[in-house]
Amino acid sequence: MRNANKQFIKECALYIKGEVSEIKIKGNPRVVRLFAETLSESRKFYIALQNKEFRSVLPLLEKKRAASRVLREQTGYIWPL
């Protein structure tokens, strides 16, 4: 299971960086939606940083943190990215 988790985190990082265009997540639809939201907010934050859109970075960071917090509260999973 530990290897699967490492692979999942690796794929998430590649998605956030834009190196892959999608990730397939299977499971409970509610949990999948929470992960998708957290991934989406993480990617938006990363893109803003890369594009040096400094005015939008802090609001996007707050959205990413909020999505991570909801994920943790609902699933117990601590978002490492």
PDB file of N, CA and C in Angstrom:
ATOM      1  N   MET A   1       0.822  -1.205   0.000  1.00  0.00           N
ATOM      2  CA  MET A   1       0.000   0.000   0.000  1.00  0.00           C
ATOM      3  C   MET A   1       0.858   1.259   0.000  1.00  0.00           C
ATOM      4  N   ARG A   2       1.980   1.207   0.686  1.00  0.00           N
ATOM      5  CA  ARG A   2       2.858   2.368   0.752  1.00  0.00           C
ATOM      6  C   ARG A   2       3.360   2.758  -0.641  1.00  0.00           C
ATOM      7  N   ASN A   3       3.690   1.759  -1.468  1.00  0.00           N
ATOM      8  CA  ASN A   3       4.137   2.034  -2.831  1.00  0.00           C
ATOM      9  C   ASN A   3       3.044   2.689  -3.662  1.00  0.00           C
ATOM     10  N   ALA A   4       1.807   2.227  -3.481  1.00  0.00           N
ATOM     11  CA  ALA A   4       0.677   2.813  -4.212  1.00  0.00           C
ATOM     12  C   ALA A   4       0.498   4.267  -3.820  1.00  0.00           C
ATOM     13  N   ASN A   5       0.665   4.585  -2.542  1.00  0.00           N
ATOM     14  CA  ASN A   5       0.532   5.966  -2.076  1.00  0.00           C
ATOM     15  C   ASN A   5       1.631   6.846  -2.675  1.00  0.00           C
ATOM     16  N   LYS A   6       2.855   6.339  -2.710  1.00  0.00           N
ATOM     17  CA  LYS A   6       3.957   7.101  -3.317  1.00  0.00           C
ATOM     18  C   LYS A   6       3.689   7.354  -4.799  1.00  0.00           C
ATOM     19  N   GLN A   7       3.194   6.355  -5.487  1.00  0.00           N
ATOM     20  CA  GLN A   7       2.893   6.504  -6.907  1.00  0.00           C
ATOM     21  C   GLN A   7       1.779   7.530  -7.115  1.00  0.00           C
ATOM     22  N   PHE A   8       0.761   7.490  -6.256  1.00  0.00           N
ATOM     23  CA  PHE A   8      -0.340   8.450  -6.342  1.00  0.00           C
ATOM     24  C   PHE A   8       0.164   9.880  -6.144  1.00  0.00           C
ATOM     25  N   ILE A   9       1.000  10.084  -5.140  1.00  0.00           N
ATOM     26  CA  ILE A   9       1.556  11.424  -4.880  1.00  0.00           C
ATOM     27  C   ILE A   9       2.410  11.877  -6.058  1.00  0.00           C
ATOM     28  N   LYS A  10       3.185  10.964  -6.617  1.00  0.00           N
ATOM     29  CA  LYS A  10       4.016  11.301  -7.781  1.00  0.00           C
ATOM     30  C   LYS A  10       3.147  11.744  -8.954  1.00  0.00           C
ATOM     31  N   GLU A  11       2.070  10.994  -9.211  1.00  0.00           N
ATOM     32  CA  GLU A  11       1.171  11.360 -10.306  1.00  0.00           C
ATOM     33  C   GLU A  11       0.476  12.693 -10.041  1.00  0.00           C
ATOM     34  N   CYS A  12       0.118  12.937  -8.794  1.00  0.00           N
ATOM     35  CA  CYS A  12      -0.496  14.220  -8.438  1.00  0.00           C
ATOM     36  C   CYS A  12       0.477  15.370  -8.702  1.00  0.00           C
ATOM     37  N   ALA A  13       1.722  15.188  -8.313  1.00  0.00           N
ATOM     38  CA  ALA A  13       2.724  16.233  -8.533  1.00  0.00           C
ATOM     39  C   ALA A  13       2.914  16.495 -10.026  1.00  0.00           C
ATOM     40  N   LEU A  14       2.948  15.438 -10.821  1.00  0.00           N
ATOM     41  CA  LEU A  14       3.085  15.609 -12.272  1.00  0.00           C
ATOM     42  C   LEU A  14       1.887  16.366 -12.844  1.00  0.00           C
ATOM     43  N   TYR A  15       0.695  16.073 -12.333  1.00  0.00           N
ATOM     44  CA  TYR A  15      -0.507  16.785 -12.782  1.00  0.00           C
ATOM     45  C   TYR A  15      -0.427  18.261 -12.394  1.00  0.00           C
ATOM     46  N   ILE A  16      -0.069  18.529 -11.169  1.00  0.00           N
ATOM     47  CA  ILE A  16       0.015  19.916 -10.693  1.00  0.00           C
ATOM     48  C   ILE A  16       1.014  20.706 -11.529  1.00  0.00           C
ATOM     49  N   LYS A  17       2.125  20.085 -11.877  1.00  0.00           N
ATOM     50  CA  LYS A  17       3.151  20.755 -12.675  1.00  0.00           C
ATOM     51  C   LYS A  17       2.787  20.834 -14.149  1.00  0.00           C
ATOM     52  N   GLY A  18       1.711  20.178 -14.552  1.00  0.00           N
ATOM     53  CA  GLY A  18       1.286  20.222 -15.944  1.00  0.00           C
ATOM     54  C   GLY A  18       2.006  19.229 -16.835  1.00  0.00           C
ATOM     55  N   GLU A  19       2.710  18.277 -16.241  1.00  0.00           N
ATOM     56  CA  GLU A  19       3.438  17.291 -17.033  1.00  0.00           C
ATOM     57  C   GLU A  19       2.538  16.156 -17.524  1.00  0.00           C
ATOM     58  N   VAL A  20       1.384  15.986 -16.877  1.00  0.00           N
ATOM     59  CA  VAL A  20       0.344  15.076 -17.365  1.00  0.00           C
ATOM     60  C   VAL A  20      -0.967  15.854 -17.333  1.00  0.00           C
ATOM     61  N   SER A  21      -1.860  15.526 -18.244  1.00  0.00           N
ATOM     62  CA  SER A  21      -3.082  16.321 -18.364  1.00  0.00           C
ATOM     63  C   SER A  21      -4.237  15.819 -17.502  1.00  0.00           C
ATOM     64  N   GLU A  22      -4.153  14.582 -17.036  1.00  0.00           N
ATOM     65  CA  GLU A  22      -5.233  14.069 -16.197  1.00  0.00           C
ATOM     66  C   GLU A  22      -4.729  12.927 -15.327  1.00  0.00           C
ATOM     67  N   ILE A  23      -5.464  12.696 -14.257  1.00  0.00           N
ATOM     68  CA  ILE A  23      -5.214  11.584 -13.349  1.00  0.00           C
ATOM     69  C   ILE A  23      -6.540  10.866 -13.176  1.00  0.00           C
ATOM     70  N   LYS A  24      -6.502   9.562 -13.210  1.00  0.00           N
ATOM     71  CA  LYS A  24      -7.723   8.790 -12.967  1.00  0.00           C
ATOM     72  C   LYS A  24      -7.757   8.397 -11.497  1.00  0.00           C
ATOM     73  N   ILE A  25      -8.836   8.776 -10.836  1.00  0.00           N
ATOM     74  CA  ILE A  25      -9.027   8.447  -9.429  1.00  0.00           C
ATOM     75  C   ILE A  25     -10.320   7.651  -9.319  1.00  0.00           C
ATOM     76  N   LYS A  26     -10.225   6.507  -8.694  1.00  0.00           N
ATOM     77  CA  LYS A  26     -11.405   5.663  -8.515  1.00  0.00           C
ATOM     78  C   LYS A  26     -11.753   5.607  -7.034  1.00  0.00           C
ATOM     79  N   GLY A  27     -13.030   5.436  -6.764  1.00  0.00           N
ATOM     80  CA  GLY A  27     -13.456   5.284  -5.379  1.00  0.00           C
ATOM     81  C   GLY A  27     -14.792   5.946  -5.143  1.00  0.00           C
ATOM     82  N   ASN A  28     -15.063   6.179  -3.884  1.00  0.00           N
ATOM     83  CA  ASN A  28     -16.286   6.847  -3.456  1.00  0.00           C
ATOM     84  C   ASN A  28     -16.386   8.209  -4.166  1.00  0.00           C
ATOM     85  N   PRO A  29     -17.497   8.481  -4.839  1.00  0.00           N
ATOM     86  CA  PRO A  29     -17.617   9.747  -5.588  1.00  0.00           C
ATOM     87  C   PRO A  29     -17.373  10.998  -4.734  1.00  0.00           C
ATOM     88  N   ARG A  30     -17.795  10.980  -3.495  1.00  0.00           N
ATOM     89  CA  ARG A  30     -17.582  12.139  -2.619  1.00  0.00           C
ATOM     90  C   ARG A  30     -16.092  12.346  -2.365  1.00  0.00           C
ATOM     91  N   VAL A  31     -15.375  11.267  -2.103  1.00  0.00           N
ATOM     92  CA  VAL A  31     -13.939  11.344  -1.836  1.00  0.00           C
ATOM     93  C   VAL A  31     -13.186  11.738  -3.106  1.00  0.00           C
ATOM     94  N   VAL A  32     -13.572  11.174  -4.227  1.00  0.00           N
ATOM     95  CA  VAL A  32     -12.946  11.537  -5.505  1.00  0.00           C
ATOM     96  C   VAL A  32     -13.128  13.026  -5.767  1.00  0.00           C
ATOM     97  N   ARG A  33     -14.316  13.550  -5.504  1.00  0.00           N
ATOM     98  CA  ARG A  33     -14.586  14.978  -5.706  1.00  0.00           C
ATOM     99  C   ARG A  33     -13.683  15.832  -4.801  1.00  0.00           C
ATOM    100  N   LEU A  34     -13.477  15.412  -3.563  1.00  0.00           N
ATOM    101  CA  LEU A  34     -12.611  16.149  -2.642  1.00  0.00           C
ATOM    102  C   LEU A  34     -11.164  16.167  -3.141  1.00  0.00           C
ATOM    103  N   PHE A  35     -10.685  15.014  -3.606  1.00  0.00           N
ATOM    104  CA  PHE A  35      -9.328  14.962  -4.159  1.00  0.00           C
ATOM    105  C   PHE A  35      -9.224  15.809  -5.421  1.00  0.00           C
ATOM    106  N   ALA A  36     -10.235  15.751  -6.277  1.00  0.00           N
ATOM    107  CA  ALA A  36     -10.215  16.524  -7.513  1.00  0.00           C
ATOM    108  C   ALA A  36     -10.172  18.024  -7.221  1.00  0.00           C
ATOM    109  N   GLU A  37     -10.944  18.452  -6.249  1.00  0.00           N
ATOM    110  CA  GLU A  37     -10.954  19.872  -5.869  1.00  0.00           C
ATOM    111  C   GLU A  37      -9.589  20.296  -5.331  1.00  0.00           C
ATOM    112  N   THR A  38      -8.998  19.471  -4.485  1.00  0.00           N
ATOM    113  CA  THR A  38      -7.693  19.785  -3.911  1.00  0.00           C
ATOM    114  C   THR A  38      -6.626  19.814  -5.001  1.00  0.00           C
ATOM    115  N   LEU A  39      -6.674  18.867  -5.912  1.00  0.00           N
ATOM    116  CA  LEU A  39      -5.733  18.866  -7.035  1.00  0.00           C
ATOM    117  C   LEU A  39      -5.899  20.105  -7.902  1.00  0.00           C
ATOM    118  N   SER A  40      -7.133  20.467  -8.188  1.00  0.00           N
ATOM    119  CA  SER A  40      -7.409  21.631  -9.024  1.00  0.00           C
ATOM    120  C   SER A  40      -6.871  22.912  -8.387  1.00  0.00           C
ATOM    121  N   GLU A  41      -7.133  23.086  -7.113  1.00  0.00           N
ATOM    122  CA  GLU A  41      -6.659  24.297  -6.420  1.00  0.00           C
ATOM    123  C   GLU A  41      -5.137  24.308  -6.321  1.00  0.00           C
ATOM    124  N   SER A  42      -4.533  23.144  -6.125  1.00  0.00           N
ATOM    125  CA  SER A  42      -3.070  23.066  -6.068  1.00  0.00           C
ATOM    126  C   SER A  42      -2.461  23.440  -7.415  1.00  0.00           C
ATOM    127  N   ARG A  43      -3.087  22.981  -8.489  1.00  0.00           N
ATOM    128  CA  ARG A  43      -2.579  23.291  -9.830  1.00  0.00           C
ATOM    129  C   ARG A  43      -2.719  24.784 -10.131  1.00  0.00           C
ATOM    130  N   LYS A  44      -3.851  25.373  -9.792  1.00  0.00           N
ATOM    131  CA  LYS A  44      -4.044  26.811 -10.027  1.00  0.00           C
ATOM    132  C   LYS A  44      -2.992  27.623  -9.280  1.00  0.00           C
ATOM    133  N   PHE A  45      -2.710  27.236  -8.050  1.00  0.00           N
ATOM    134  CA  PHE A  45      -1.694  27.923  -7.248  1.00  0.00           C
ATOM    135  C   PHE A  45      -0.315  27.786  -7.902  1.00  0.00           C
ATOM    136  N   TYR A  46       0.041  26.586  -8.320  1.00  0.00           N
ATOM    137  CA  TYR A  46       1.331  26.335  -8.958  1.00  0.00           C
ATOM    138  C   TYR A  46       1.477  27.172 -10.232  1.00  0.00           C
ATOM    139  N   ILE A  47       0.444  27.196 -11.039  1.00  0.00           N
ATOM    140  CA  ILE A  47       0.491  27.956 -12.294  1.00  0.00           C
ATOM    141  C   ILE A  47       0.687  29.446 -12.024  1.00  0.00           C
ATOM    142  N   ALA A  48      -0.017  29.966 -11.037  1.00  0.00           N
ATOM    143  CA  ALA A  48       0.131  31.385 -10.687  1.00  0.00           C
ATOM    144  C   ALA A  48       1.559  31.689 -10.238  1.00  0.00           C
ATOM    145  N   LEU A  49       2.143  30.777  -9.462  1.00  0.00           N
ATOM    146  CA  LEU A  49       3.536  30.972  -9.040  1.00  0.00           C
ATOM    147  C   LEU A  49       4.481  30.959 -10.231  1.00  0.00           C
ATOM    148  N   GLN A  50       4.300  30.017 -11.124  1.00  0.00           N
ATOM    149  CA  GLN A  50       5.171  29.902 -12.289  1.00  0.00           C
ATOM    150  C   GLN A  50       5.048  31.103 -13.218  1.00  0.00           C
ATOM    151  N   ASN A  51       3.839  31.660 -13.316  1.00  0.00           N
ATOM    152  CA  ASN A  51       3.604  32.814 -14.185  1.00  0.00           C
ATOM    153  C   ASN A  51       3.874  34.141 -13.489  1.00  0.00           C
ATOM    154  N   LYS A  52       4.314  34.063 -12.240  1.00  0.00           N
ATOM    155  CA  LYS A  52       4.630  35.248 -11.433  1.00  0.00           C
ATOM    156  C   LYS A  52       3.452  36.203 -11.337  1.00  0.00           C
ATOM    157  N   GLU A  53       2.270  35.617 -11.193  1.00  0.00           N
ATOM    158  CA  GLU A  53       1.043  36.396 -11.005  1.00  0.00           C
ATOM    159  C   GLU A  53       0.865  36.638  -9.505  1.00  0.00           C
ATOM    160  N   PHE A  54       1.702  37.503  -8.970  1.00  0.00           N
ATOM    161  CA  PHE A  54       1.807  37.642  -7.525  1.00  0.00           C
ATOM    162  C   PHE A  54       0.548  38.175  -6.856  1.00  0.00           C
ATOM    163  N   ARG A  55      -0.242  38.947  -7.574  1.00  0.00           N
ATOM    164  CA  ARG A  55      -1.486  39.449  -6.981  1.00  0.00           C
ATOM    165  C   ARG A  55      -2.489  38.328  -6.709  1.00  0.00           C
ATOM    166  N   SER A  56      -2.443  37.290  -7.509  1.00  0.00           N
ATOM    167  CA  SER A  56      -3.401  36.200  -7.336  1.00  0.00           C
ATOM    168  C   SER A  56      -2.859  35.051  -6.495  1.00  0.00           C
ATOM    169  N   VAL A  57      -1.583  35.073  -6.147  1.00  0.00           N
ATOM    170  CA  VAL A  57      -0.976  33.954  -5.424  1.00  0.00           C
ATOM    171  C   VAL A  57      -1.597  33.753  -4.049  1.00  0.00           C
ATOM    172  N   LEU A  58      -1.715  34.803  -3.249  1.00  0.00           N
ATOM    173  CA  LEU A  58      -2.238  34.634  -1.894  1.00  0.00           C
ATOM    174  C   LEU A  58      -3.681  34.140  -1.857  1.00  0.00           C
ATOM    175  N   PRO A  59      -4.591  34.697  -2.661  1.00  0.00           N
ATOM    176  CA  PRO A  59      -5.947  34.135  -2.673  1.00  0.00           C
ATOM    177  C   PRO A  59      -5.979  32.666  -3.123  1.00  0.00           C
ATOM    178  N   LEU A  60      -5.128  32.325  -4.089  1.00  0.00           N
ATOM    179  CA  LEU A  60      -5.081  30.939  -4.555  1.00  0.00           C
ATOM    180  C   LEU A  60      -4.482  30.019  -3.496  1.00  0.00           C
ATOM    181  N   LEU A  61      -3.514  30.516  -2.755  1.00  0.00           N
ATOM    182  CA  LEU A  61      -2.946  29.737  -1.651  1.00  0.00           C
ATOM    183  C   LEU A  61      -4.018  29.461  -0.603  1.00  0.00           C
ATOM    184  N   GLU A  62      -4.821  30.458  -0.307  1.00  0.00           N
ATOM    185  CA  GLU A  62      -5.900  30.262   0.671  1.00  0.00           C
ATOM    186  C   GLU A  62      -6.922  29.233   0.175  1.00  0.00           C
ATOM    187  N   LYS A  63      -7.248  29.267  -1.114  1.00  0.00           N
ATOM    188  CA  LYS A  63      -8.181  28.280  -1.674  1.00  0.00           C
ATOM    189  C   LYS A  63      -7.592  26.877  -1.619  1.00  0.00           C
ATOM    190  N   LYS A  64      -6.299  26.765  -1.908  1.00  0.00           N
ATOM    191  CA  LYS A  64      -5.617  25.470  -1.847  1.00  0.00           C
ATOM    192  C   LYS A  64      -5.626  24.947  -0.415  1.00  0.00           C
ATOM    193  N   ARG A  65      -5.319  25.802   0.525  1.00  0.00           N
ATOM    194  CA  ARG A  65      -5.332  25.403   1.941  1.00  0.00           C
ATOM    195  C   ARG A  65      -6.723  25.002   2.399  1.00  0.00           C
ATOM    196  N   ALA A  66      -7.728  25.737   1.953  1.00  0.00           N
ATOM    197  CA  ALA A  66      -9.113  25.411   2.323  1.00  0.00           C
ATOM    198  C   ALA A  66      -9.510  24.049   1.771  1.00  0.00           C
ATOM    199  N   ALA A  67      -9.153  23.777   0.515  1.00  0.00           N
ATOM    200  CA  ALA A  67      -9.474  22.481  -0.086  1.00  0.00           C
ATOM    201  C   ALA A  67      -8.736  21.361   0.643  1.00  0.00           C
ATOM    202  N   SER A  68      -7.486  21.601   1.007  1.00  0.00           N
ATOM    203  CA  SER A  68      -6.708  20.604   1.749  1.00  0.00           C
ATOM    204  C   SER A  68      -7.318  20.341   3.119  1.00  0.00           C
ATOM    205  N   ARG A  69      -7.783  21.394   3.754  1.00  0.00           N
ATOM    206  CA  ARG A  69      -8.398  21.272   5.077  1.00  0.00           C
ATOM    207  C   ARG A  69      -9.689  20.448   5.003  1.00  0.00           C
ATOM    208  N   VAL A  70     -10.517  20.725   4.004  1.00  0.00           N
ATOM    209  CA  VAL A  70     -11.762  19.967   3.837  1.00  0.00           C
ATOM    210  C   VAL A  70     -11.439  18.496   3.553  1.00  0.00           C
ATOM    211  N   LEU A  71     -10.455  18.250   2.706  1.00  0.00           N
ATOM    212  CA  LEU A  71     -10.045  16.878   2.414  1.00  0.00           C
ATOM    213  C   LEU A  71      -9.640  16.160   3.700  1.00  0.00           C
ATOM    214  N   ARG A  72      -8.831  16.817   4.519  1.00  0.00           N
ATOM    215  CA  ARG A  72      -8.374  16.221   5.781  1.00  0.00           C
ATOM    216  C   ARG A  72      -9.541  15.979   6.733  1.00  0.00           C
ATOM    217  N   GLU A  73     -10.422  16.965   6.849  1.00  0.00           N
ATOM    218  CA  GLU A  73     -11.558  16.833   7.761  1.00  0.00           C
ATOM    219  C   GLU A  73     -12.519  15.729   7.336  1.00  0.00           C
ATOM    220  N   GLN A  74     -12.713  15.568   6.030  1.00  0.00           N
ATOM    221  CA  GLN A  74     -13.678  14.604   5.518  1.00  0.00           C
ATOM    222  C   GLN A  74     -13.110  13.185   5.380  1.00  0.00           C
ATOM    223  N   THR A  75     -11.793  13.091   5.130  1.00  0.00           N
ATOM    224  CA  THR A  75     -11.216  11.776   4.836  1.00  0.00           C
ATOM    225  C   THR A  75     -10.096  11.374   5.793  1.00  0.00           C
ATOM    226  N   GLY A  76      -9.522  12.332   6.493  1.00  0.00           N
ATOM    227  CA  GLY A  76      -8.367  12.044   7.337  1.00  0.00           C
ATOM    228  C   GLY A  76      -7.047  12.076   6.575  1.00  0.00           C
ATOM    229  N   TYR A  77      -7.103  12.276   5.254  1.00  0.00           N
ATOM    230  CA  TYR A  77      -5.891  12.288   4.419  1.00  0.00           C
ATOM    231  C   TYR A  77      -5.239  13.661   4.508  1.00  0.00           C
ATOM    232  N   ILE A  78      -3.972  13.697   4.843  1.00  0.00           N
ATOM    233  CA  ILE A  78      -3.228  14.954   4.920  1.00  0.00           C
ATOM    234  C   ILE A  78      -2.557  15.187   3.565  1.00  0.00           C
ATOM    235  N   TRP A  79      -2.960  16.262   2.888  1.00  0.00           N
ATOM    236  CA  TRP A  79      -2.464  16.580   1.558  1.00  0.00           C
ATOM    237  C   TRP A  79      -1.010  17.042   1.656  1.00  0.00           C
ATOM    238  N   PRO A  80      -0.076  16.297   1.034  1.00  0.00           N
ATOM    239  CA  PRO A  80       1.343  16.643   1.163  1.00  0.00           C
ATOM    240  C   PRO A  80       1.830  17.696   0.185  1.00  0.00           C
ATOM    241  N   LEU A  81       0.997  18.063  -0.774  1.00  0.00           N
ATOM    242  CA  LEU A  81       1.452  19.004  -1.795  1.00  0.00           C
ATOM    243  C   LEU A  81       0.789  20.333  -1.588  1.00  0.00           C
TER     244      LEU A  81
END
